[in-house]
PDB file of all heavy atoms in Angstrom:
ATOM      1  N   ARG A   1       0.849  -1.255  -0.019  1.00  0.00           N
ATOM      2  CA  ARG A   1       0.004   0.031  -0.011  1.00  0.00           C
ATOM      3  C   ARG A   1       0.870   1.253   0.032  1.00  0.00           C
ATOM      4  O   ARG A   1       0.620   2.237  -0.742  1.00  0.00           O
ATOM      5  CB  ARG A   1      -0.904  -0.028   1.228  1.00  0.00           C
ATOM      6  CG  ARG A   1      -1.886   1.169   1.266  1.00  0.00           C
ATOM      7  CD  ARG A   1      -3.000   0.904   2.272  1.00  0.00           C
ATOM      8  NE  ARG A   1      -2.517   0.593   3.573  1.00  0.00           N
ATOM      9  CZ  ARG A   1      -2.724  -0.697   4.096  1.00  0.00           C
ATOM     10  NH1 ARG A   1      -3.283  -1.684   3.431  1.00  0.00           N
ATOM     11  NH2 ARG A   1      -2.251  -0.928   5.354  1.00  0.00           N
ATOM     12  N   GLN A   2       1.959   1.292   0.788  1.00  0.00           N
ATOM     13  CA  GLN A   2       2.791   2.437   0.799  1.00  0.00           C
ATOM     14  C   GLN A   2       3.546   2.597  -0.417  1.00  0.00           C
ATOM     15  O   GLN A   2       3.707   3.737  -1.006  1.00  0.00           O
ATOM     16  CB  GLN A   2       3.819   2.310   1.977  1.00  0.00           C
ATOM     17  CG  GLN A   2       3.120   2.404   3.397  1.00  0.00           C
ATOM     18  CD  GLN A   2       2.532   3.739   3.724  1.00  0.00           C
ATOM     19  OE1 GLN A   2       2.806   4.784   3.010  1.00  0.00           O
ATOM     20  NE2 GLN A   2       1.640   3.784   4.608  1.00  0.00           N
ATOM     21  N   LEU A   3       4.048   1.484  -1.063  1.00  0.00           N
ATOM     22  CA  LEU A   3       4.759   1.606  -2.319  1.00  0.00           C
ATOM     23  C   LEU A   3       3.908   2.146  -3.464  1.00  0.00           C
ATOM     24  O   LEU A   3       4.373   2.873  -4.338  1.00  0.00           O
ATOM     25  CB  LEU A   3       5.376   0.260  -2.709  1.00  0.00           C
ATOM     26  CG  LEU A   3       6.523  -0.278  -1.860  1.00  0.00           C
ATOM     27  CD1 LEU A   3       6.863  -1.740  -2.219  1.00  0.00           C
ATOM     28  CD2 LEU A   3       7.727   0.632  -2.010  1.00  0.00           C
ATOM     29  N   ARG A   4       2.618   1.809  -3.429  1.00  0.00           N
ATOM     30  CA  ARG A   4       1.691   2.283  -4.499  1.00  0.00           C
ATOM     31  C   ARG A   4       1.529   3.811  -4.359  1.00  0.00           C
ATOM     32  O   ARG A   4       1.196   4.483  -5.280  1.00  0.00           O
ATOM     33  CB  ARG A   4       0.408   1.566  -4.387  1.00  0.00           C
ATOM     34  CG  ARG A   4       0.354   0.112  -4.834  1.00  0.00           C
ATOM     35  CD  ARG A   4      -0.962  -0.430  -4.819  1.00  0.00           C
ATOM     36  NE  ARG A   4      -1.848   0.149  -5.802  1.00  0.00           N
ATOM     37  CZ  ARG A   4      -3.146  -0.167  -5.960  1.00  0.00           C
ATOM     38  NH1 ARG A   4      -3.722  -1.063  -5.215  1.00  0.00           N
ATOM     39  NH2 ARG A   4      -3.852   0.502  -6.837  1.00  0.00           N
ATOM     40  N   ARG A   5       1.788   4.344  -3.145  1.00  0.00           N
ATOM     41  CA  ARG A   5       1.594   5.773  -2.973  1.00  0.00           C
ATOM     42  C   ARG A   5       2.816   6.558  -3.384  1.00  0.00           C
ATOM     43  O   ARG A   5       2.822   7.802  -3.433  1.00  0.00           O
ATOM     44  CB  ARG A   5       1.279   6.090  -1.483  1.00  0.00           C
ATOM     45  CG  ARG A   5      -0.027   5.548  -1.023  1.00  0.00           C
ATOM     46  CD  ARG A   5      -0.193   5.770   0.510  1.00  0.00           C
ATOM     47  NE  ARG A   5      -0.145   7.192   0.826  1.00  0.00           N
ATOM     48  CZ  ARG A   5       0.171   7.680   2.018  1.00  0.00           C
ATOM     49  NH1 ARG A   5       0.411   6.837   3.044  1.00  0.00           N
ATOM     50  NH2 ARG A   5       0.186   8.943   2.304  1.00  0.00           N
ATOM     51  N   VAL A   6       3.916   5.856  -3.631  1.00  0.00           N
ATOM     52  CA  VAL A   6       5.165   6.544  -4.000  1.00  0.00           C
ATOM     53  C   VAL A   6       5.054   6.827  -5.529  1.00  0.00           C
ATOM     54  O   VAL A   6       5.286   5.989  -6.332  1.00  0.00           O
ATOM     55  CB  VAL A   6       6.390   5.687  -3.718  1.00  0.00           C
ATOM     56  CG1 VAL A   6       7.682   6.434  -4.182  1.00  0.00           C
ATOM     57  CG2 VAL A   6       6.497   5.383  -2.217  1.00  0.00           C
ATOM     58  N   GLY A   7       4.772   8.048  -5.862  1.00  0.00           N
ATOM     59  CA  GLY A   7       4.664   8.438  -7.263  1.00  0.00           C
ATOM     60  C   GLY A   7       5.900   9.041  -7.879  1.00  0.00           C
ATOM     61  O   GLY A   7       6.130   8.918  -9.084  1.00  0.00           O
ATOM     62  N   SER A   8       6.752   9.628  -7.004  1.00  0.00           N
ATOM     63  CA  SER A   8       7.954  10.261  -7.525  1.00  0.00           C
ATOM     64  C   SER A   8       8.800  10.574  -6.293  1.00  0.00           C
ATOM     65  O   SER A   8       8.517  10.211  -5.118  1.00  0.00           O
ATOM     66  CB  SER A   8       7.613  11.621  -8.218  1.00  0.00           C
ATOM     67  OG  SER A   8       7.129  12.554  -7.246  1.00  0.00           O
ATOM     68  N   VAL A   9       9.971  11.178  -6.545  1.00  0.00           N
ATOM     69  CA  VAL A   9      10.854  11.600  -5.474  1.00  0.00           C
ATOM     70  C   VAL A   9      10.213  12.642  -4.561  1.00  0.00           C
ATOM     71  O   VAL A   9      10.707  12.965  -3.498  1.00  0.00           O
ATOM     72  CB  VAL A   9      12.209  12.201  -5.987  1.00  0.00           C
ATOM     73  CG1 VAL A   9      12.971  11.086  -6.728  1.00  0.00           C
ATOM     74  CG2 VAL A   9      11.917  13.327  -6.925  1.00  0.00           C
ATOM     75  N   ASN A  10       9.107  13.165  -4.986  1.00  0.00           N
ATOM     76  CA  ASN A  10       8.382  14.181  -4.164  1.00  0.00           C
ATOM     77  C   ASN A  10       7.368  13.471  -3.307  1.00  0.00           C
ATOM     78  O   ASN A  10       6.435  14.194  -2.755  1.00  0.00           O
ATOM     79  CB  ASN A  10       7.691  15.189  -5.072  1.00  0.00           C
ATOM     80  CG  ASN A  10       8.629  15.976  -5.905  1.00  0.00           C
ATOM     81  OD1 ASN A  10       9.727  16.459  -5.415  1.00  0.00           O
ATOM     82  ND2 ASN A  10       8.357  16.220  -7.202  1.00  0.00           N
ATOM     83  N   SER A  11       7.462  12.175  -3.111  1.00  0.00           N
ATOM     84  CA  SER A  11       6.557  11.445  -2.159  1.00  0.00           C
ATOM     85  C   SER A  11       7.442  10.869  -0.992  1.00  0.00           C
ATOM     86  O   SER A  11       7.549   9.688  -0.846  1.00  0.00           O
ATOM     87  CB  SER A  11       5.869  10.355  -2.930  1.00  0.00           C
ATOM     88  OG  SER A  11       5.246  10.722  -4.054  1.00  0.00           O
ATOM     89  N   PRO A  12       8.083  11.712  -0.173  1.00  0.00           N
ATOM     90  CA  PRO A  12       8.985  11.232   0.866  1.00  0.00           C
ATOM     91  C   PRO A  12       8.336  10.452   1.966  1.00  0.00           C
ATOM     92  O   PRO A  12       8.898   9.466   2.405  1.00  0.00           O
ATOM     93  CB  PRO A  12       9.610  12.552   1.371  1.00  0.00           C
ATOM     94  CG  PRO A  12       8.590  13.636   1.102  1.00  0.00           C
ATOM     95  CD  PRO A  12       7.978  13.205  -0.188  1.00  0.00           C
ATOM     96  N   ASN A  13       7.128  10.737   2.354  1.00  0.00           N
ATOM     97  CA  ASN A  13       6.533  10.092   3.516  1.00  0.00           C
ATOM     98  C   ASN A  13       6.145   8.681   3.180  1.00  0.00           C
ATOM     99  O   ASN A  13       6.534   7.760   3.892  1.00  0.00           O
ATOM    100  CB  ASN A  13       5.301  10.850   4.037  1.00  0.00           C
ATOM    101  CG  ASN A  13       4.901  10.271   5.339  1.00  0.00           C
ATOM    102  OD1 ASN A  13       5.580  10.168   6.304  1.00  0.00           O
ATOM    103  ND2 ASN A  13       3.583   9.838   5.370  1.00  0.00           N
ATOM    104  N   PRO A  14       5.525   8.350   2.053  1.00  0.00           N
ATOM    105  CA  PRO A  14       5.223   6.962   1.696  1.00  0.00           C
ATOM    106  C   PRO A  14       6.531   6.134   1.468  1.00  0.00           C
ATOM    107  O   PRO A  14       6.516   5.046   1.946  1.00  0.00           O
ATOM    108  CB  PRO A  14       4.469   7.081   0.400  1.00  0.00           C
ATOM    109  CG  PRO A  14       3.772   8.354   0.451  1.00  0.00           C
ATOM    110  CD  PRO A  14       4.774   9.274   1.126  1.00  0.00           C
ATOM    111  N   ALA A  15       7.496   6.743   0.929  1.00  0.00           N
ATOM    112  CA  ALA A  15       8.708   6.045   0.755  1.00  0.00           C
ATOM    113  C   ALA A  15       9.441   5.785   2.101  1.00  0.00           C
ATOM    114  O   ALA A  15       9.949   4.585   2.329  1.00  0.00           O
ATOM    115  CB  ALA A  15       9.684   6.888  -0.143  1.00  0.00           C
ATOM    116  N   HIS A  16       9.377   6.715   2.982  1.00  0.00           N
ATOM    117  CA  HIS A  16       9.907   6.480   4.339  1.00  0.00           C
ATOM    118  C   HIS A  16       9.142   5.367   5.109  1.00  0.00           C
ATOM    119  O   HIS A  16       9.780   4.533   5.748  1.00  0.00           O
ATOM    120  CB  HIS A  16       9.884   7.820   5.110  1.00  0.00           C
ATOM    121  CG  HIS A  16      10.421   7.711   6.505  1.00  0.00           C
ATOM    122  ND1 HIS A  16      11.685   7.385   6.793  1.00  0.00           N
ATOM    123  CD2 HIS A  16       9.742   7.867   7.702  1.00  0.00           C
ATOM    124  CE1 HIS A  16      11.856   7.303   8.122  1.00  0.00           C
ATOM    125  NE2 HIS A  16      10.628   7.627   8.655  1.00  0.00           N
ATOM    126  N   GLN A  17       7.831   5.422   4.979  1.00  0.00           N
ATOM    127  CA  GLN A  17       7.011   4.422   5.674  1.00  0.00           C
ATOM    128  C   GLN A  17       7.261   3.066   5.099  1.00  0.00           C
ATOM    129  O   GLN A  17       7.350   2.099   5.866  1.00  0.00           O
ATOM    130  CB  GLN A  17       5.505   4.809   5.531  1.00  0.00           C
ATOM    131  CG  GLN A  17       5.103   6.051   6.314  1.00  0.00           C
ATOM    132  CD  GLN A  17       5.455   5.930   7.813  1.00  0.00           C
ATOM    133  OE1 GLN A  17       5.202   4.886   8.394  1.00  0.00           O
ATOM    134  NE2 GLN A  17       5.929   6.962   8.422  1.00  0.00           N
ATOM    135  N   ALA A  18       7.441   2.985   3.734  1.00  0.00           N
ATOM    136  CA  ALA A  18       7.759   1.687   3.130  1.00  0.00           C
ATOM    137  C   ALA A  18       9.132   1.167   3.616  1.00  0.00           C
ATOM    138  O   ALA A  18       9.201  -0.044   3.845  1.00  0.00           O
ATOM    139  CB  ALA A  18       7.757   1.827   1.630  1.00  0.00           C
ATOM    140  N   ARG A  19      10.049   2.031   3.737  1.00  0.00           N
ATOM    141  CA  ARG A  19      11.381   1.671   4.251  1.00  0.00           C
ATOM    142  C   ARG A  19      11.286   1.084   5.661  1.00  0.00           C
ATOM    143  O   ARG A  19      11.932   0.080   5.999  1.00  0.00           O
ATOM    144  CB  ARG A  19      12.333   2.859   4.210  1.00  0.00           C
ATOM    145  CG  ARG A  19      13.707   2.657   4.825  1.00  0.00           C
ATOM    146  CD  ARG A  19      14.562   3.902   4.683  1.00  0.00           C
ATOM    147  NE  ARG A  19      15.791   3.767   5.392  1.00  0.00           N
ATOM    148  CZ  ARG A  19      15.944   4.039   6.630  1.00  0.00           C
ATOM    149  NH1 ARG A  19      14.938   4.511   7.342  1.00  0.00           N
ATOM    150  NH2 ARG A  19      17.087   3.947   7.250  1.00  0.00           N
ATOM    151  N   LEU A  20      10.510   1.710   6.558  1.00  0.00           N
ATOM    152  CA  LEU A  20      10.290   1.328   7.898  1.00  0.00           C
ATOM    153  C   LEU A  20       9.612  -0.085   8.009  1.00  0.00           C
ATOM    154  O   LEU A  20      10.077  -0.944   8.748  1.00  0.00           O
ATOM    155  CB  LEU A  20       9.562   2.270   8.677  1.00  0.00           C
ATOM    156  CG  LEU A  20      10.172   3.658   8.983  1.00  0.00           C
ATOM    157  CD1 LEU A  20       9.303   4.581   9.754  1.00  0.00           C
ATOM    158  CD2 LEU A  20      11.534   3.512   9.701  1.00  0.00           C
ATOM    159  N   ILE A  21       8.631  -0.254   7.172  1.00  0.00           N
ATOM    160  CA  ILE A  21       7.976  -1.528   7.129  1.00  0.00           C
ATOM    161  C   ILE A  21       8.848  -2.632   6.578  1.00  0.00           C
ATOM    162  O   ILE A  21       8.900  -3.780   7.216  1.00  0.00           O
ATOM    163  CB  ILE A  21       6.739  -1.455   6.228  1.00  0.00           C
ATOM    164  CG1 ILE A  21       5.690  -0.527   6.835  1.00  0.00           C
ATOM    165  CG2 ILE A  21       6.108  -2.847   6.040  1.00  0.00           C
ATOM    166  CD1 ILE A  21       4.565  -0.169   5.887  1.00  0.00           C
ATOM    167  N   ALA A  22       9.658  -2.337   5.601  1.00  0.00           N
ATOM    168  CA  ALA A  22      10.546  -3.344   5.034  1.00  0.00           C
ATOM    169  C   ALA A  22      11.647  -3.782   6.130  1.00  0.00           C
ATOM    170  O   ALA A  22      12.004  -4.914   6.296  1.00  0.00           O
ATOM    171  CB  ALA A  22      11.254  -2.870   3.775  1.00  0.00           C
ATOM    172  N   LYS A  23      12.051  -2.796   6.841  1.00  0.00           N
ATOM    173  CA  LYS A  23      13.078  -2.996   7.894  1.00  0.00           C
ATOM    174  C   LYS A  23      12.414  -3.886   8.964  1.00  0.00           C
ATOM    175  O   LYS A  23      13.041  -4.795   9.511  1.00  0.00           O
ATOM    176  CB  LYS A  23      13.498  -1.680   8.449  1.00  0.00           C
ATOM    177  CG  LYS A  23      14.691  -1.793   9.452  1.00  0.00           C
ATOM    178  CD  LYS A  23      15.217  -0.409   9.924  1.00  0.00           C
ATOM    179  CE  LYS A  23      15.933   0.219   8.851  1.00  0.00           C
ATOM    180  NZ  LYS A  23      16.589   1.487   9.292  1.00  0.00           N
ATOM    181  N   ARG A  24      11.132  -3.635   9.425  1.00  0.00           N
ATOM    182  CA  ARG A  24      10.496  -4.446  10.387  1.00  0.00           C
ATOM    183  C   ARG A  24      10.339  -5.916   9.926  1.00  0.00           C
ATOM    184  O   ARG A  24      10.600  -6.821  10.657  1.00  0.00           O
ATOM    185  CB  ARG A  24       9.126  -3.877  10.683  1.00  0.00           C
ATOM    186  CG  ARG A  24       9.055  -2.673  11.649  1.00  0.00           C
ATOM    187  CD  ARG A  24       7.730  -2.553  12.292  1.00  0.00           C
ATOM    188  NE  ARG A  24       6.619  -2.491  11.345  1.00  0.00           N
ATOM    189  CZ  ARG A  24       6.135  -1.302  10.847  1.00  0.00           C
ATOM    190  NH1 ARG A  24       6.670  -0.161  11.208  1.00  0.00           N
ATOM    191  NH2 ARG A  24       5.101  -1.286  10.039  1.00  0.00           N
ATOM    192  N   MET A  25      10.021  -6.121   8.636  1.00  0.00           N
ATOM    193  CA  MET A  25       9.935  -7.414   8.039  1.00  0.00           C
ATOM    194  C   MET A  25      11.242  -8.137   8.131  1.00  0.00           C
ATOM    195  O   MET A  25      11.331  -9.324   8.413  1.00  0.00           O
ATOM    196  CB  MET A  25       9.367  -7.386   6.617  1.00  0.00           C
ATOM    197  CG  MET A  25       7.924  -6.879   6.514  1.00  0.00           C
ATOM    198  SD  MET A  25       7.381  -6.686   4.855  1.00  0.00           S
ATOM    199  CE  MET A  25       7.196  -8.434   4.390  1.00  0.00           C
TER     200      MET A  25
END
C-alpha cells in the first residue's frame, strides 16, 4: 500500500514508511 503511494521523489513520506515496514519485516 505504501509503495503504491510513491509516485515520485516528491513522495517522501510513503517512501519512508515503506522503508520502515521493510526493515521491520
